[in-house]
């Protein structure tokens, strides 16, 4: 625990803020998905994106990388339970959108050992952000993204 606290304290202030937002957001998204379903959860998150007054981030590639790392850290260290790929992807998509970094939530499906499986991830400019092992390549993605943020600075 002390090592985790030391590493958290060593982060830049902005990174700590993103981690804390992700840690709070993940359980809220999980609860909303269970109680309200995907569409209503997505609509609620989208509503809060449209009211964002934050200026566009001119260092969006760096900020996107930091946001991905902080969301993954929150998934590993701060959650109650283990967030699903959909919960993680919605949190990442929303946090990027709040920074006016455009991205899309993608969902794909596959059939494996007679079982139907689905997987969610976030893309920016056609590149999966929260998929270091390229797991998404084993799924047939739906043609349209399910959640998109408005185009922002590239």
N, C-alpha and C. Protein backbone atom coordinates (compact mmCIF):
# COMPACT_ATOMS: atom_id res chain seq x y z
N UNK A 1 0.82 -1.20 0.00
CA UNK A 1 0.00 0.00 0.00
C UNK A 1 0.86 1.27 0.00
N UNK A 2 1.94 1.25 0.78
CA UNK A 2 2.81 2.43 0.84
C UNK A 2 3.45 2.71 -0.51
N UNK A 3 3.82 1.64 -1.21
CA UNK A 3 4.41 1.81 -2.54
C UNK A 3 3.41 2.45 -3.49
N UNK A 4 2.17 2.02 -3.44
CA UNK A 4 1.13 2.60 -4.30
C UNK A 4 0.92 4.08 -3.96
N UNK A 5 0.91 4.40 -2.69
CA UNK A 5 0.74 5.79 -2.27
C UNK A 5 1.93 6.64 -2.72
N UNK A 6 3.13 6.08 -2.62
CA UNK A 6 4.32 6.81 -3.06
C UNK A 6 4.26 7.07 -4.57
N UNK A 7 3.85 6.05 -5.34
CA UNK A 7 3.76 6.22 -6.79
C UNK A 7 2.68 7.24 -7.15
N UNK A 8 1.55 7.20 -6.44
CA UNK A 8 0.49 8.17 -6.69
C UNK A 8 0.99 9.58 -6.40
N UNK A 9 1.68 9.76 -5.30
CA UNK A 9 2.20 11.09 -4.93
C UNK A 9 3.23 11.60 -5.92
N UNK A 10 3.93 10.69 -6.59
CA UNK A 10 4.95 11.09 -7.56
C UNK A 10 4.36 11.53 -8.89
N UNK A 11 3.09 11.26 -9.12
CA UNK A 11 2.46 11.66 -10.38
C UNK A 11 2.31 13.17 -10.46
N UNK A 12 2.25 13.68 -11.68
CA UNK A 12 1.95 15.09 -11.87
C UNK A 12 0.53 15.36 -11.37
N UNK A 13 0.27 16.59 -11.00
CA UNK A 13 -1.03 16.95 -10.45
C UNK A 13 -2.18 16.58 -11.40
N UNK A 14 -2.02 16.86 -12.68
CA UNK A 14 -3.06 16.54 -13.66
C UNK A 14 -3.32 15.05 -13.76
N UNK A 15 -2.28 14.26 -13.69
CA UNK A 15 -2.42 12.81 -13.74
C UNK A 15 -3.15 12.28 -12.52
N UNK A 16 -2.83 12.85 -11.35
CA UNK A 16 -3.54 12.44 -10.13
C UNK A 16 -5.03 12.74 -10.25
N UNK A 17 -5.35 13.90 -10.82
CA UNK A 17 -6.75 14.27 -11.00
C UNK A 17 -7.48 13.32 -11.93
N UNK A 18 -6.84 12.93 -13.01
CA UNK A 18 -7.46 11.99 -13.96
C UNK A 18 -7.66 10.64 -13.28
N UNK A 19 -6.66 10.18 -12.52
CA UNK A 19 -6.79 8.91 -11.81
C UNK A 19 -7.97 8.95 -10.84
N UNK A 20 -8.07 10.02 -10.06
CA UNK A 20 -9.16 10.12 -9.08
C UNK A 20 -10.52 10.19 -9.76
N UNK A 21 -10.62 10.93 -10.87
CA UNK A 21 -11.88 10.98 -11.62
C UNK A 21 -12.25 9.59 -12.14
N UNK A 22 -11.26 8.89 -12.68
CA UNK A 22 -11.52 7.54 -13.20
C UNK A 22 -11.95 6.61 -12.07
N UNK A 23 -11.29 6.70 -10.93
CA UNK A 23 -11.62 5.84 -9.79
C UNK A 23 -13.04 6.09 -9.30
N UNK A 24 -13.51 7.32 -9.37
CA UNK A 24 -14.89 7.63 -8.97
C UNK A 24 -15.88 7.28 -10.06
N UNK A 25 -15.48 7.46 -11.30
CA UNK A 25 -16.38 7.26 -12.44
C UNK A 25 -16.68 5.79 -12.72
N UNK A 26 -15.69 4.93 -12.58
CA UNK A 26 -15.88 3.51 -12.90
C UNK A 26 -17.04 2.87 -12.14
N UNK A 27 -17.14 3.01 -10.81
CA UNK A 27 -18.28 2.40 -10.12
C UNK A 27 -19.61 3.05 -10.49
N UNK A 28 -19.60 4.35 -10.78
CA UNK A 28 -20.84 5.03 -11.19
C UNK A 28 -21.34 4.50 -12.53
N UNK A 29 -20.42 4.31 -13.46
CA UNK A 29 -20.79 3.75 -14.76
C UNK A 29 -21.30 2.33 -14.59
N UNK A 30 -20.63 1.55 -13.77
CA UNK A 30 -21.06 0.18 -13.51
C UNK A 30 -22.48 0.14 -12.97
N UNK A 31 -22.75 0.95 -12.00
CA UNK A 31 -24.08 1.01 -11.40
C UNK A 31 -25.12 1.48 -12.42
N UNK A 32 -24.79 2.49 -13.18
CA UNK A 32 -25.72 3.01 -14.18
C UNK A 32 -26.02 1.96 -15.26
N UNK A 33 -25.01 1.25 -15.71
CA UNK A 33 -25.23 0.21 -16.71
C UNK A 33 -26.17 -0.87 -16.17
N UNK A 34 -25.98 -1.24 -14.93
CA UNK A 34 -26.82 -2.29 -14.33
C UNK A 34 -28.26 -1.82 -14.11
N UNK A 35 -28.43 -0.57 -13.69
CA UNK A 35 -29.76 -0.08 -13.36
C UNK A 35 -30.50 0.53 -14.54
N UNK A 36 -29.77 1.18 -15.45
CA UNK A 36 -30.41 1.95 -16.51
C UNK A 36 -30.14 1.41 -17.91
N UNK A 37 -29.10 0.61 -18.07
CA UNK A 37 -28.76 0.08 -19.38
C UNK A 37 -27.77 0.96 -20.13
N UNK A 38 -27.32 0.43 -21.27
CA UNK A 38 -26.27 1.11 -22.04
C UNK A 38 -26.71 2.45 -22.59
N UNK A 39 -27.84 2.49 -23.29
CA UNK A 39 -28.26 3.73 -23.97
C UNK A 39 -28.45 4.89 -23.01
N UNK A 40 -29.10 4.66 -21.88
CA UNK A 40 -29.33 5.75 -20.93
C UNK A 40 -28.02 6.19 -20.27
N UNK A 41 -27.15 5.22 -19.99
CA UNK A 41 -25.84 5.56 -19.43
C UNK A 41 -25.06 6.41 -20.43
N UNK A 42 -25.04 5.97 -21.67
CA UNK A 42 -24.35 6.70 -22.73
C UNK A 42 -24.92 8.11 -22.88
N UNK A 43 -26.24 8.23 -22.87
CA UNK A 43 -26.87 9.55 -23.02
C UNK A 43 -26.51 10.47 -21.86
N UNK A 44 -26.48 9.93 -20.65
CA UNK A 44 -26.10 10.75 -19.49
C UNK A 44 -24.66 11.24 -19.60
N UNK A 45 -23.77 10.35 -19.98
CA UNK A 45 -22.37 10.74 -20.14
C UNK A 45 -22.23 11.78 -21.25
N UNK A 46 -22.93 11.58 -22.36
CA UNK A 46 -22.87 12.51 -23.49
C UNK A 46 -23.36 13.90 -23.07
N UNK A 47 -24.41 13.94 -22.24
CA UNK A 47 -24.95 15.22 -21.79
C UNK A 47 -23.90 16.04 -21.05
N UNK A 48 -23.10 15.36 -20.24
CA UNK A 48 -22.06 16.07 -19.49
C UNK A 48 -20.89 16.46 -20.38
N UNK A 49 -20.72 15.81 -21.51
CA UNK A 49 -19.67 16.23 -22.45
C UNK A 49 -20.07 17.51 -23.14
N UNK A 50 -21.32 17.63 -23.50
CA UNK A 50 -21.77 18.78 -24.27
C UNK A 50 -21.70 20.08 -23.46
N UNK A 51 -21.64 19.97 -22.12
CA UNK A 51 -21.57 21.17 -21.30
C UNK A 51 -20.14 21.52 -20.90
N UNK A 52 -19.17 20.77 -21.39
CA UNK A 52 -17.78 21.03 -21.02
C UNK A 52 -17.34 22.40 -21.49
N UNK A 53 -16.79 23.18 -20.58
CA UNK A 53 -16.30 24.50 -20.91
C UNK A 53 -14.77 24.56 -20.92
N UNK A 54 -14.14 23.39 -20.77
CA UNK A 54 -12.68 23.36 -20.72
C UNK A 54 -12.12 23.71 -22.09
N UNK A 55 -10.99 24.43 -22.14
CA UNK A 55 -10.38 24.74 -23.42
C UNK A 55 -9.82 23.49 -24.09
N UNK A 56 -9.70 23.56 -25.40
CA UNK A 56 -9.13 22.43 -26.14
C UNK A 56 -7.70 22.19 -25.69
N UNK A 57 -7.34 20.94 -25.58
CA UNK A 57 -5.99 20.56 -25.15
C UNK A 57 -5.10 20.48 -26.38
N UNK A 58 -4.09 21.36 -26.45
CA UNK A 58 -3.22 21.38 -27.62
C UNK A 58 -2.20 20.25 -27.60
N UNK A 59 -2.04 19.57 -26.48
CA UNK A 59 -1.11 18.44 -26.40
C UNK A 59 -1.89 17.13 -26.32
N UNK A 60 -2.93 17.00 -27.13
CA UNK A 60 -3.85 15.86 -27.00
C UNK A 60 -3.21 14.48 -27.14
N UNK A 61 -2.20 14.25 -28.00
CA UNK A 61 -1.61 12.91 -28.00
C UNK A 61 -1.00 12.54 -26.64
N UNK A 62 -0.29 13.46 -26.03
CA UNK A 62 0.29 13.21 -24.71
C UNK A 62 -0.82 13.06 -23.68
N UNK A 63 -1.81 13.94 -23.69
CA UNK A 63 -2.91 13.88 -22.71
C UNK A 63 -3.70 12.59 -22.89
N UNK A 64 -3.90 12.15 -24.13
CA UNK A 64 -4.62 10.89 -24.37
C UNK A 64 -3.84 9.73 -23.76
N UNK A 65 -2.53 9.70 -23.94
CA UNK A 65 -1.71 8.62 -23.37
C UNK A 65 -1.78 8.62 -21.84
N UNK A 66 -1.70 9.80 -21.25
CA UNK A 66 -1.77 9.91 -19.79
C UNK A 66 -3.14 9.44 -19.31
N UNK A 67 -4.19 9.84 -20.01
CA UNK A 67 -5.54 9.45 -19.61
C UNK A 67 -5.72 7.94 -19.69
N UNK A 68 -5.23 7.32 -20.76
CA UNK A 68 -5.30 5.86 -20.89
C UNK A 68 -4.58 5.20 -19.71
N UNK A 69 -3.38 5.66 -19.39
CA UNK A 69 -2.61 5.06 -18.30
C UNK A 69 -3.31 5.22 -16.95
N UNK A 70 -3.90 6.38 -16.72
CA UNK A 70 -4.56 6.63 -15.44
C UNK A 70 -5.85 5.81 -15.31
N UNK A 71 -6.60 5.65 -16.40
CA UNK A 71 -7.81 4.82 -16.35
C UNK A 71 -7.43 3.38 -16.09
N UNK A 72 -6.39 2.88 -16.76
CA UNK A 72 -5.97 1.49 -16.55
C UNK A 72 -5.47 1.31 -15.11
N UNK A 73 -4.79 2.30 -14.57
CA UNK A 73 -4.33 2.23 -13.18
C UNK A 73 -5.53 2.21 -12.23
N UNK A 74 -6.53 3.02 -12.51
CA UNK A 74 -7.73 3.03 -11.66
C UNK A 74 -8.45 1.68 -11.74
N UNK A 75 -8.47 1.06 -12.91
CA UNK A 75 -9.09 -0.26 -13.05
C UNK A 75 -8.34 -1.27 -12.18
N UNK A 76 -7.02 -1.19 -12.17
CA UNK A 76 -6.21 -2.16 -11.42
C UNK A 76 -6.23 -1.91 -9.91
N UNK A 77 -6.21 -0.64 -9.49
CA UNK A 77 -5.92 -0.35 -8.09
C UNK A 77 -7.03 0.29 -7.28
N UNK A 78 -8.00 0.90 -7.91
CA UNK A 78 -8.93 1.72 -7.13
C UNK A 78 -10.36 1.22 -7.15
N UNK A 79 -10.62 0.16 -7.86
CA UNK A 79 -12.00 -0.23 -8.03
C UNK A 79 -12.56 -1.14 -6.96
N UNK A 80 -13.87 -1.12 -6.88
CA UNK A 80 -14.60 -2.10 -6.09
C UNK A 80 -15.00 -3.17 -7.09
N UNK A 81 -14.36 -4.31 -7.02
CA UNK A 81 -14.62 -5.33 -8.03
C UNK A 81 -13.72 -5.11 -9.23
N UNK A 82 -14.07 -5.74 -10.31
CA UNK A 82 -13.28 -5.62 -11.53
C UNK A 82 -14.15 -5.05 -12.66
N UNK A 83 -13.89 -3.81 -13.10
CA UNK A 83 -14.70 -3.23 -14.17
C UNK A 83 -14.61 -4.03 -15.46
N UNK A 84 -15.70 -4.06 -16.19
CA UNK A 84 -15.73 -4.71 -17.49
C UNK A 84 -15.05 -3.83 -18.53
N UNK A 85 -14.79 -4.41 -19.70
CA UNK A 85 -14.19 -3.63 -20.78
C UNK A 85 -15.12 -2.48 -21.20
N UNK A 86 -16.43 -2.68 -21.13
CA UNK A 86 -17.37 -1.62 -21.48
C UNK A 86 -17.31 -0.49 -20.46
N UNK A 87 -17.26 -0.82 -19.18
CA UNK A 87 -17.16 0.21 -18.15
C UNK A 87 -15.87 1.00 -18.29
N UNK A 88 -14.77 0.30 -18.50
CA UNK A 88 -13.47 0.96 -18.68
C UNK A 88 -13.49 1.85 -19.92
N UNK A 89 -14.05 1.34 -21.01
CA UNK A 89 -14.07 2.10 -22.26
C UNK A 89 -14.94 3.34 -22.16
N UNK A 90 -16.10 3.22 -21.52
CA UNK A 90 -16.96 4.40 -21.35
C UNK A 90 -16.29 5.45 -20.47
N UNK A 91 -15.60 5.01 -19.42
CA UNK A 91 -14.88 5.96 -18.56
C UNK A 91 -13.77 6.66 -19.34
N UNK A 92 -12.99 5.91 -20.08
CA UNK A 92 -11.91 6.50 -20.87
C UNK A 92 -12.46 7.47 -21.91
N UNK A 93 -13.49 7.04 -22.64
CA UNK A 93 -14.11 7.89 -23.66
C UNK A 93 -14.60 9.20 -23.07
N UNK A 94 -15.25 9.12 -21.90
CA UNK A 94 -15.79 10.32 -21.27
C UNK A 94 -14.68 11.24 -20.79
N UNK A 95 -13.65 10.68 -20.16
CA UNK A 95 -12.54 11.50 -19.68
C UNK A 95 -11.79 12.17 -20.83
N UNK A 96 -11.64 11.47 -21.94
CA UNK A 96 -11.02 12.09 -23.12
C UNK A 96 -11.92 13.21 -23.65
N UNK A 97 -13.21 12.94 -23.71
CA UNK A 97 -14.15 13.94 -24.21
C UNK A 97 -14.17 15.19 -23.35
N UNK A 98 -14.04 15.04 -22.04
CA UNK A 98 -14.00 16.20 -21.15
C UNK A 98 -12.77 17.06 -21.43
N UNK A 99 -11.74 16.45 -21.99
CA UNK A 99 -10.53 17.18 -22.35
C UNK A 99 -10.58 17.64 -23.81
N UNK A 100 -11.73 17.43 -24.44
CA UNK A 100 -11.96 17.77 -25.85
C UNK A 100 -11.01 17.01 -26.77
N UNK A 101 -10.77 15.75 -26.43
CA UNK A 101 -9.98 14.85 -27.27
C UNK A 101 -10.97 13.88 -27.89
N UNK A 102 -11.09 13.91 -29.20
CA UNK A 102 -12.09 13.08 -29.87
C UNK A 102 -11.71 11.60 -29.80
N UNK A 103 -12.72 10.76 -29.62
CA UNK A 103 -12.53 9.32 -29.57
C UNK A 103 -13.88 8.65 -29.81
N UNK A 104 -13.83 7.33 -29.97
CA UNK A 104 -15.04 6.56 -30.22
C UNK A 104 -15.01 5.28 -29.40
N UNK A 105 -16.17 4.90 -28.87
CA UNK A 105 -16.31 3.59 -28.24
C UNK A 105 -16.70 2.61 -29.33
N UNK A 106 -15.94 1.54 -29.44
CA UNK A 106 -16.22 0.49 -30.43
C UNK A 106 -16.57 -0.80 -29.70
N UNK A 107 -17.46 -1.56 -30.29
CA UNK A 107 -17.85 -2.85 -29.74
C UNK A 107 -17.75 -3.88 -30.85
N UNK A 108 -17.17 -5.02 -30.52
CA UNK A 108 -17.05 -6.11 -31.48
C UNK A 108 -17.56 -7.40 -30.87
N UNK A 109 -17.82 -8.35 -31.73
CA UNK A 109 -18.33 -9.65 -31.28
C UNK A 109 -17.54 -10.77 -31.94
N UNK A 110 -17.61 -11.95 -31.33
CA UNK A 110 -17.02 -13.15 -31.91
C UNK A 110 -17.71 -14.37 -31.30
N UNK A 111 -17.55 -15.47 -31.99
CA UNK A 111 -18.05 -16.74 -31.48
C UNK A 111 -16.82 -17.61 -31.23
N UNK A 112 -16.70 -18.09 -30.01
CA UNK A 112 -15.53 -18.88 -29.62
C UNK A 112 -15.99 -20.06 -28.78
N UNK A 113 -15.62 -21.24 -29.19
CA UNK A 113 -16.02 -22.46 -28.49
C UNK A 113 -17.54 -22.49 -28.25
N UNK A 114 -18.28 -22.18 -29.30
CA UNK A 114 -19.75 -22.19 -29.26
C UNK A 114 -20.33 -21.15 -28.30
N UNK A 115 -19.52 -20.18 -27.89
CA UNK A 115 -20.00 -19.10 -27.02
C UNK A 115 -19.90 -17.77 -27.75
N UNK A 116 -20.91 -16.96 -27.58
CA UNK A 116 -20.93 -15.61 -28.13
C UNK A 116 -20.22 -14.69 -27.14
N UNK A 117 -19.26 -13.90 -27.62
CA UNK A 117 -18.51 -12.98 -26.76
C UNK A 117 -18.54 -11.59 -27.37
N UNK A 118 -18.53 -10.59 -26.52
CA UNK A 118 -18.47 -9.19 -26.97
C UNK A 118 -17.32 -8.50 -26.24
N UNK A 119 -16.80 -7.45 -26.86
CA UNK A 119 -15.69 -6.71 -26.29
C UNK A 119 -15.80 -5.24 -26.69
N UNK A 120 -15.42 -4.35 -25.79
CA UNK A 120 -15.47 -2.90 -26.05
C UNK A 120 -14.08 -2.31 -25.90
N UNK A 121 -13.81 -1.27 -26.70
CA UNK A 121 -12.54 -0.55 -26.62
C UNK A 121 -12.77 0.87 -27.14
N UNK A 122 -11.77 1.73 -26.97
CA UNK A 122 -11.84 3.12 -27.41
C UNK A 122 -10.83 3.33 -28.53
N UNK A 123 -11.28 3.98 -29.59
CA UNK A 123 -10.39 4.31 -30.72
C UNK A 123 -10.27 5.81 -30.89
N UNK A 124 -9.11 6.20 -31.34
CA UNK A 124 -8.83 7.59 -31.74
C UNK A 124 -8.07 7.50 -33.05
N UNK A 125 -8.61 8.13 -34.07
CA UNK A 125 -8.00 8.09 -35.41
C UNK A 125 -7.76 6.66 -35.87
N UNK A 126 -8.69 5.75 -35.57
CA UNK A 126 -8.59 4.37 -36.01
C UNK A 126 -7.64 3.49 -35.22
N UNK A 127 -7.05 4.03 -34.16
CA UNK A 127 -6.12 3.27 -33.32
C UNK A 127 -6.76 2.99 -31.97
N UNK A 128 -6.72 1.74 -31.55
CA UNK A 128 -7.27 1.37 -30.25
C UNK A 128 -6.35 1.91 -29.15
N UNK A 129 -6.93 2.66 -28.22
CA UNK A 129 -6.14 3.28 -27.17
C UNK A 129 -5.94 2.38 -25.96
N UNK A 130 -6.97 1.69 -25.55
CA UNK A 130 -6.90 0.90 -24.32
C UNK A 130 -6.76 -0.59 -24.62
N UNK A 131 -6.02 -0.91 -25.67
CA UNK A 131 -5.82 -2.30 -26.09
C UNK A 131 -4.34 -2.56 -26.40
N UNK A 132 -3.49 -2.63 -25.39
CA UNK A 132 -2.07 -2.83 -25.68
C UNK A 132 -1.76 -4.18 -26.34
N UNK A 133 -2.60 -5.20 -26.10
CA UNK A 133 -2.34 -6.51 -26.68
C UNK A 133 -3.11 -6.73 -27.98
N UNK A 134 -3.78 -5.73 -28.50
CA UNK A 134 -4.55 -5.81 -29.74
C UNK A 134 -5.63 -6.89 -29.68
N UNK A 135 -6.19 -7.09 -28.51
CA UNK A 135 -7.26 -8.06 -28.32
C UNK A 135 -8.44 -7.78 -29.24
N UNK A 136 -8.71 -6.51 -29.48
CA UNK A 136 -9.87 -6.12 -30.30
C UNK A 136 -9.79 -6.68 -31.72
N UNK A 137 -8.61 -7.01 -32.20
CA UNK A 137 -8.46 -7.53 -33.56
C UNK A 137 -9.09 -8.91 -33.73
N UNK A 138 -9.42 -9.56 -32.64
CA UNK A 138 -10.05 -10.87 -32.69
C UNK A 138 -11.57 -10.79 -32.68
N UNK A 139 -12.10 -9.57 -32.74
CA UNK A 139 -13.54 -9.34 -32.73
C UNK A 139 -13.95 -8.62 -34.00
N UNK A 140 -15.14 -8.96 -34.49
CA UNK A 140 -15.72 -8.26 -35.64
C UNK A 140 -16.44 -7.03 -35.09
N UNK A 141 -15.88 -5.86 -35.37
CA UNK A 141 -16.44 -4.62 -34.84
C UNK A 141 -17.68 -4.21 -35.62
N UNK A 142 -18.64 -3.63 -34.89
CA UNK A 142 -19.80 -3.05 -35.57
C UNK A 142 -19.31 -1.92 -36.47
N UNK A 143 -20.01 -1.69 -37.57
CA UNK A 143 -19.57 -0.68 -38.54
C UNK A 143 -19.51 0.72 -37.96
N UNK A 144 -20.45 1.07 -37.12
CA UNK A 144 -20.50 2.42 -36.57
C UNK A 144 -20.07 2.40 -35.11
N UNK A 145 -19.38 3.44 -34.71
CA UNK A 145 -19.02 3.59 -33.30
C UNK A 145 -20.28 3.84 -32.50
N UNK A 146 -20.32 3.36 -31.27
CA UNK A 146 -21.51 3.54 -30.44
C UNK A 146 -21.51 4.87 -29.70
N UNK A 147 -20.36 5.43 -29.43
CA UNK A 147 -20.26 6.72 -28.77
C UNK A 147 -19.08 7.47 -29.39
N UNK A 148 -19.36 8.65 -29.88
CA UNK A 148 -18.29 9.47 -30.45
C UNK A 148 -18.30 10.83 -29.81
N UNK A 149 -17.12 11.35 -29.56
CA UNK A 149 -17.02 12.72 -29.11
C UNK A 149 -16.77 13.58 -30.33
N UNK A 150 -17.15 14.85 -30.28
CA UNK A 150 -16.92 15.71 -31.43
C UNK A 150 -15.44 15.79 -31.78
N UNK A 151 -15.14 15.97 -33.05
CA UNK A 151 -13.73 16.11 -33.42
C UNK A 151 -13.09 17.27 -32.68
N UNK A 152 -11.93 17.01 -32.16
CA UNK A 152 -11.18 18.04 -31.44
C UNK A 152 -9.83 18.21 -32.10
N UNK A 153 -8.90 18.84 -31.42
CA UNK A 153 -7.57 19.02 -31.99
C UNK A 153 -6.87 17.69 -32.18
N UNK A 154 -6.10 17.57 -33.19
CA UNK A 154 -5.39 16.32 -33.50
C UNK A 154 -3.96 16.40 -33.09
